[in-house]
Amino acid sequence: MSKLTTRVLATVNGPYGTKQSAQQLAALIADPSSAQAHNAAAFAFFSEIAPAVQLAFIAEMNVDEAKAKAVARQFSDLAGYPLHLAP
């Protein structure tokens, strides 16, 4: 596991007591149902991870960037404030 992935997982799992793997998180951030389910790990990714790190994780995990941005927009709408990947 890369340092980047370790850092991302520590940020999204630690505060929420979740145990998402890198693959699970990658799937969550590209799945619209994550926003509908108010998934804490996915929201933490979009709201607590630095924008450059978000993009690097998306690339490293081969996540469809357009899908991740669509999920970020859903979370942004739910949260009521802009998120970096939600233009």
N, C-alpha and C. Protein backbone atom coordinates (compact mmCIF):
# COMPACT_ATOMS: atom_id res chain seq x y z
N MET A 1 0.85 -1.17 0.00
CA MET A 1 0.00 0.00 0.00
C MET A 1 0.89 1.23 0.00
N SER A 2 0.57 2.19 -0.84
CA SER A 2 1.39 3.39 -0.95
C SER A 2 1.18 4.31 0.26
N LYS A 3 2.11 5.24 0.44
CA LYS A 3 1.97 6.23 1.52
C LYS A 3 0.72 7.06 1.32
N LEU A 4 0.43 7.38 0.08
CA LEU A 4 -0.76 8.16 -0.24
C LEU A 4 -2.02 7.42 0.22
N THR A 5 -2.13 6.16 -0.12
CA THR A 5 -3.29 5.37 0.25
C THR A 5 -3.39 5.25 1.77
N THR A 6 -2.27 5.01 2.42
CA THR A 6 -2.26 4.91 3.88
C THR A 6 -2.75 6.20 4.52
N ARG A 7 -2.30 7.33 4.00
CA ARG A 7 -2.72 8.63 4.52
C ARG A 7 -4.22 8.85 4.32
N VAL A 8 -4.71 8.52 3.14
CA VAL A 8 -6.13 8.69 2.84
C VAL A 8 -6.97 7.81 3.78
N LEU A 9 -6.59 6.55 3.91
CA LEU A 9 -7.36 5.64 4.75
C LEU A 9 -7.34 6.05 6.22
N ALA A 10 -6.21 6.55 6.70
CA ALA A 10 -6.14 7.02 8.09
C ALA A 10 -7.09 8.19 8.31
N THR A 11 -7.19 9.05 7.33
CA THR A 11 -8.07 10.21 7.46
C THR A 11 -9.54 9.84 7.40
N VAL A 12 -9.90 8.94 6.51
CA VAL A 12 -11.33 8.61 6.37
C VAL A 12 -11.80 7.57 7.37
N ASN A 13 -10.92 6.70 7.82
CA ASN A 13 -11.33 5.65 8.76
C ASN A 13 -11.22 6.08 10.22
N GLY A 14 -10.16 6.76 10.57
CA GLY A 14 -9.87 7.07 11.97
C GLY A 14 -11.00 7.75 12.72
N PRO A 15 -11.44 8.91 12.29
CA PRO A 15 -12.45 9.64 13.06
C PRO A 15 -13.82 8.95 13.12
N TYR A 16 -14.08 8.11 12.15
CA TYR A 16 -15.42 7.51 12.06
C TYR A 16 -15.45 6.06 12.51
N GLY A 17 -14.30 5.53 12.87
CA GLY A 17 -14.23 4.15 13.32
C GLY A 17 -14.58 3.14 12.25
N THR A 18 -14.40 3.52 11.00
CA THR A 18 -14.67 2.60 9.90
C THR A 18 -13.40 1.85 9.54
N LYS A 19 -13.54 0.82 8.75
CA LYS A 19 -12.39 0.03 8.33
C LYS A 19 -12.46 -0.24 6.84
N GLN A 20 -12.61 0.84 6.08
CA GLN A 20 -12.67 0.71 4.62
C GLN A 20 -11.30 0.36 4.08
N SER A 21 -11.25 -0.56 3.15
CA SER A 21 -10.00 -0.82 2.43
C SER A 21 -9.90 0.22 1.32
N ALA A 22 -8.75 0.29 0.69
CA ALA A 22 -8.56 1.22 -0.43
C ALA A 22 -9.55 0.91 -1.55
N GLN A 23 -9.75 -0.36 -1.84
CA GLN A 23 -10.67 -0.76 -2.90
C GLN A 23 -12.11 -0.41 -2.54
N GLN A 24 -12.47 -0.60 -1.29
CA GLN A 24 -13.83 -0.26 -0.86
C GLN A 24 -14.06 1.25 -0.96
N LEU A 25 -13.08 2.02 -0.51
CA LEU A 25 -13.21 3.47 -0.59
C LEU A 25 -13.29 3.92 -2.04
N ALA A 26 -12.46 3.35 -2.89
CA ALA A 26 -12.49 3.69 -4.31
C ALA A 26 -13.88 3.44 -4.90
N ALA A 27 -14.48 2.33 -4.54
CA ALA A 27 -15.83 2.02 -5.03
C ALA A 27 -16.84 3.01 -4.48
N LEU A 28 -16.71 3.37 -3.21
CA LEU A 28 -17.67 4.30 -2.58
C LEU A 28 -17.65 5.68 -3.22
N ILE A 29 -16.45 6.17 -3.53
CA ILE A 29 -16.37 7.55 -4.04
C ILE A 29 -16.85 7.67 -5.48
N ALA A 30 -17.08 6.54 -6.13
CA ALA A 30 -17.61 6.56 -7.50
C ALA A 30 -19.05 6.07 -7.57
N ASP A 31 -19.65 5.78 -6.43
CA ASP A 31 -21.00 5.21 -6.38
C ASP A 31 -22.00 6.22 -5.85
N PRO A 32 -22.96 6.65 -6.67
CA PRO A 32 -23.94 7.64 -6.22
C PRO A 32 -24.73 7.22 -4.98
N SER A 33 -24.87 5.94 -4.75
CA SER A 33 -25.61 5.51 -3.56
C SER A 33 -24.87 5.86 -2.27
N SER A 34 -23.57 6.15 -2.35
CA SER A 34 -22.81 6.56 -1.17
C SER A 34 -23.35 7.86 -0.60
N ALA A 35 -23.67 8.78 -1.48
CA ALA A 35 -24.24 10.06 -1.02
C ALA A 35 -25.64 9.85 -0.49
N GLN A 36 -26.42 9.06 -1.19
CA GLN A 36 -27.80 8.79 -0.75
C GLN A 36 -27.82 8.12 0.62
N ALA A 37 -26.81 7.29 0.91
CA ALA A 37 -26.72 6.59 2.19
C ALA A 37 -25.96 7.40 3.24
N HIS A 38 -25.49 8.60 2.86
CA HIS A 38 -24.73 9.46 3.77
C HIS A 38 -23.50 8.72 4.31
N ASN A 39 -22.77 8.05 3.43
CA ASN A 39 -21.62 7.28 3.84
C ASN A 39 -20.53 8.20 4.39
N ALA A 40 -20.17 7.99 5.66
CA ALA A 40 -19.21 8.86 6.33
C ALA A 40 -17.82 8.81 5.71
N ALA A 41 -17.38 7.63 5.32
CA ALA A 41 -16.04 7.51 4.74
C ALA A 41 -15.95 8.24 3.41
N ALA A 42 -16.95 8.10 2.57
CA ALA A 42 -16.95 8.78 1.28
C ALA A 42 -17.02 10.30 1.48
N PHE A 43 -17.88 10.75 2.40
CA PHE A 43 -17.96 12.18 2.67
C PHE A 43 -16.64 12.71 3.20
N ALA A 44 -16.01 11.97 4.10
CA ALA A 44 -14.71 12.39 4.64
C ALA A 44 -13.69 12.52 3.52
N PHE A 45 -13.72 11.61 2.57
CA PHE A 45 -12.79 11.69 1.45
C PHE A 45 -12.96 13.03 0.73
N PHE A 46 -14.19 13.38 0.41
CA PHE A 46 -14.43 14.60 -0.35
C PHE A 46 -14.28 15.88 0.46
N SER A 47 -14.43 15.79 1.77
CA SER A 47 -14.42 17.01 2.59
C SER A 47 -13.16 17.20 3.42
N GLU A 48 -12.42 16.14 3.69
CA GLU A 48 -11.28 16.25 4.61
C GLU A 48 -9.93 15.96 3.97
N ILE A 49 -9.93 15.45 2.77
CA ILE A 49 -8.68 15.14 2.07
C ILE A 49 -8.33 16.33 1.16
N ALA A 50 -7.08 16.71 1.16
CA ALA A 50 -6.63 17.81 0.30
C ALA A 50 -6.95 17.50 -1.16
N PRO A 51 -7.34 18.53 -1.92
CA PRO A 51 -7.74 18.31 -3.32
C PRO A 51 -6.70 17.56 -4.15
N ALA A 52 -5.44 17.89 -4.02
CA ALA A 52 -4.40 17.21 -4.81
C ALA A 52 -4.30 15.74 -4.41
N VAL A 53 -4.51 15.45 -3.15
CA VAL A 53 -4.45 14.07 -2.67
C VAL A 53 -5.67 13.30 -3.16
N GLN A 54 -6.82 13.96 -3.19
CA GLN A 54 -8.03 13.32 -3.74
C GLN A 54 -7.77 12.87 -5.18
N LEU A 55 -7.26 13.78 -5.97
CA LEU A 55 -7.01 13.46 -7.38
C LEU A 55 -5.95 12.38 -7.53
N ALA A 56 -4.92 12.41 -6.69
CA ALA A 56 -3.88 11.38 -6.77
C ALA A 56 -4.44 10.02 -6.38
N PHE A 57 -5.30 9.96 -5.36
CA PHE A 57 -5.91 8.69 -4.96
C PHE A 57 -6.82 8.17 -6.06
N ILE A 58 -7.61 9.06 -6.65
CA ILE A 58 -8.49 8.66 -7.75
C ILE A 58 -7.68 8.06 -8.89
N ALA A 59 -6.57 8.69 -9.23
CA ALA A 59 -5.71 8.17 -10.30
C ALA A 59 -5.07 6.84 -9.90
N GLU A 60 -4.55 6.78 -8.68
CA GLU A 60 -3.88 5.57 -8.21
C GLU A 60 -4.82 4.36 -8.18
N MET A 61 -6.07 4.61 -7.83
CA MET A 61 -7.04 3.53 -7.69
C MET A 61 -7.85 3.31 -8.97
N ASN A 62 -7.51 4.03 -10.03
CA ASN A 62 -8.21 3.90 -11.32
C ASN A 62 -9.71 4.14 -11.20
N VAL A 63 -10.06 5.14 -10.42
CA VAL A 63 -11.47 5.53 -10.27
C VAL A 63 -11.82 6.45 -11.44
N ASP A 64 -13.00 6.29 -11.97
CA ASP A 64 -13.48 7.17 -13.03
C ASP A 64 -13.69 8.56 -12.41
N GLU A 65 -12.87 9.51 -12.84
CA GLU A 65 -12.90 10.85 -12.25
C GLU A 65 -14.26 11.52 -12.42
N ALA A 66 -14.90 11.34 -13.55
CA ALA A 66 -16.22 11.94 -13.78
C ALA A 66 -17.25 11.39 -12.80
N LYS A 67 -17.19 10.10 -12.52
CA LYS A 67 -18.11 9.51 -11.55
C LYS A 67 -17.84 10.05 -10.15
N ALA A 68 -16.56 10.16 -9.77
CA ALA A 68 -16.21 10.69 -8.46
C ALA A 68 -16.69 12.14 -8.32
N LYS A 69 -16.53 12.91 -9.36
CA LYS A 69 -17.00 14.30 -9.31
C LYS A 69 -18.52 14.38 -9.19
N ALA A 70 -19.22 13.48 -9.83
CA ALA A 70 -20.68 13.45 -9.70
C ALA A 70 -21.09 13.12 -8.28
N VAL A 71 -20.40 12.18 -7.65
CA VAL A 71 -20.70 11.84 -6.25
C VAL A 71 -20.34 13.02 -5.35
N ALA A 72 -19.23 13.68 -5.62
CA ALA A 72 -18.85 14.86 -4.84
C ALA A 72 -19.92 15.94 -4.94
N ARG A 73 -20.50 16.12 -6.12
CA ARG A 73 -21.58 17.11 -6.28
C ARG A 73 -22.78 16.74 -5.42
N GLN A 74 -23.10 15.46 -5.37
CA GLN A 74 -24.22 15.02 -4.52
C GLN A 74 -23.93 15.32 -3.06
N PHE A 75 -22.73 15.01 -2.60
CA PHE A 75 -22.37 15.31 -1.21
C PHE A 75 -22.38 16.81 -0.96
N SER A 76 -21.91 17.58 -1.91
CA SER A 76 -21.90 19.03 -1.77
C SER A 76 -23.32 19.57 -1.61
N ASP A 77 -24.22 19.07 -2.42
CA ASP A 77 -25.63 19.49 -2.32
C ASP A 77 -26.20 19.12 -0.95
N LEU A 78 -25.89 17.93 -0.47
CA LEU A 78 -26.40 17.49 0.83
C LEU A 78 -25.80 18.31 1.97
N ALA A 79 -24.51 18.61 1.87
CA ALA A 79 -23.83 19.33 2.93
C ALA A 79 -24.18 20.82 2.93
N GLY A 80 -24.53 21.34 1.78
CA GLY A 80 -24.87 22.75 1.68
C GLY A 80 -23.66 23.67 1.54
N TYR A 81 -22.52 23.11 1.18
CA TYR A 81 -21.35 23.92 0.91
C TYR A 81 -20.50 23.24 -0.16
N PRO A 82 -19.68 24.03 -0.86
CA PRO A 82 -18.93 23.47 -1.99
C PRO A 82 -17.80 22.54 -1.54
N LEU A 83 -17.62 21.50 -2.29
CA LEU A 83 -16.49 20.58 -2.12
C LEU A 83 -15.61 20.71 -3.35
N HIS A 84 -14.33 20.49 -3.19
CA HIS A 84 -13.38 20.75 -4.28
C HIS A 84 -13.74 20.04 -5.57
N LEU A 85 -14.08 18.80 -5.51
CA LEU A 85 -14.36 18.06 -6.75
C LEU A 85 -15.77 18.29 -7.27
N ALA A 86 -16.52 19.14 -6.61
CA ALA A 86 -17.91 19.40 -7.03
C ALA A 86 -18.02 20.82 -7.57
N PRO A 87 -17.65 20.98 -8.84
CA PRO A 87 -17.68 22.34 -9.41
C PRO A 87 -19.09 22.90 -9.53
